[in-house]
Amino acid sequence: MTSADPLAMDLAGLAAAIERAEGDLALAEEPARFAAALEAGAPPESGAPGPATASEAAAP
């Protein structure tokens, strides 16, 4: 039975920690990006309806 290379084990652990942190950051940043897009009035994607204007929203 061969023993695992300690350096390779450390690198694998570090890579796993980086992947977990990347996932946590992506979850934390997404709401901020969404709010920023709303505030900036991001243009709708093609085919999607645009935001209603105040007069359109008030119309029955």
Protein backbone atom coordinates (compact mmCIF):
# COMPACT_ATOMS: atom_id res chain seq x y z
CA MET A 1 0.00 0.00 0.00
CA THR A 2 1.45 3.36 -0.97
CA SER A 3 1.09 6.43 1.20
CA ALA A 4 -0.46 9.53 -0.33
CA ASP A 5 1.76 12.50 -1.03
CA PRO A 6 1.21 15.01 1.81
CA LEU A 7 1.64 17.94 -0.58
CA ALA A 8 -1.01 16.57 -2.94
CA MET A 9 -3.38 16.09 0.00
CA ASP A 10 -2.80 19.66 1.16
CA LEU A 11 -3.37 21.00 -2.35
CA ALA A 12 -6.59 19.02 -2.70
CA GLY A 13 -7.80 20.40 0.63
CA LEU A 14 -6.91 23.93 -0.43
CA ALA A 15 -8.70 23.51 -3.77
CA ALA A 16 -11.81 22.27 -1.98
CA ALA A 17 -11.73 25.24 0.41
CA ILE A 18 -11.40 27.66 -2.51
CA GLU A 19 -14.36 26.04 -4.29
CA ARG A 20 -16.50 26.33 -1.14
CA ALA A 21 -15.53 29.98 -0.69
CA GLU A 22 -16.28 30.67 -4.35
CA GLY A 23 -19.75 29.20 -3.93
CA ASP A 24 -20.36 31.23 -0.78
CA LEU A 25 -19.27 34.44 -2.50
CA ALA A 26 -21.47 33.77 -5.50
CA LEU A 27 -24.49 33.35 -3.23
CA ALA A 28 -23.64 36.48 -1.30
CA GLU A 29 -23.06 38.63 -4.40
CA GLU A 30 -26.09 37.61 -6.43
CA PRO A 31 -28.70 39.61 -4.47
CA ALA A 32 -26.47 42.68 -4.64
CA ARG A 33 -26.13 42.33 -8.41
CA PHE A 34 -29.88 41.88 -8.74
CA ALA A 35 -30.60 45.00 -6.68
CA ALA A 36 -28.01 46.99 -8.63
CA ALA A 37 -29.58 45.92 -11.93
CA LEU A 38 -33.01 47.00 -10.71
CA GLU A 39 -31.70 50.35 -9.53
CA ALA A 40 -29.83 50.94 -12.79
CA GLY A 41 -32.90 50.10 -14.86
CA ALA A 42 -31.19 47.33 -16.74
CA PRO A 43 -32.72 46.83 -20.19
CA PRO A 44 -34.96 43.77 -20.50
CA GLU A 45 -33.68 40.70 -22.26
CA SER A 46 -34.93 40.27 -25.82
CA GLY A 47 -38.49 39.01 -25.85
CA ALA A 48 -39.14 40.01 -22.26
CA PRO A 49 -41.61 42.79 -21.51
CA GLY A 50 -40.08 46.05 -20.35
CA PRO A 51 -40.81 47.75 -17.06
CA ALA A 52 -44.14 49.55 -16.79
CA THR A 53 -44.10 53.31 -16.64
CA ALA A 54 -46.03 55.12 -13.91
CA SER A 55 -48.87 55.94 -16.33
CA GLU A 56 -49.09 52.33 -17.51
CA ALA A 57 -49.14 51.05 -13.95
CA ALA A 58 -51.96 53.47 -13.01
CA ALA A 59 -54.11 52.58 -16.02
CA PRO A 60 -57.02 50.19 -15.27
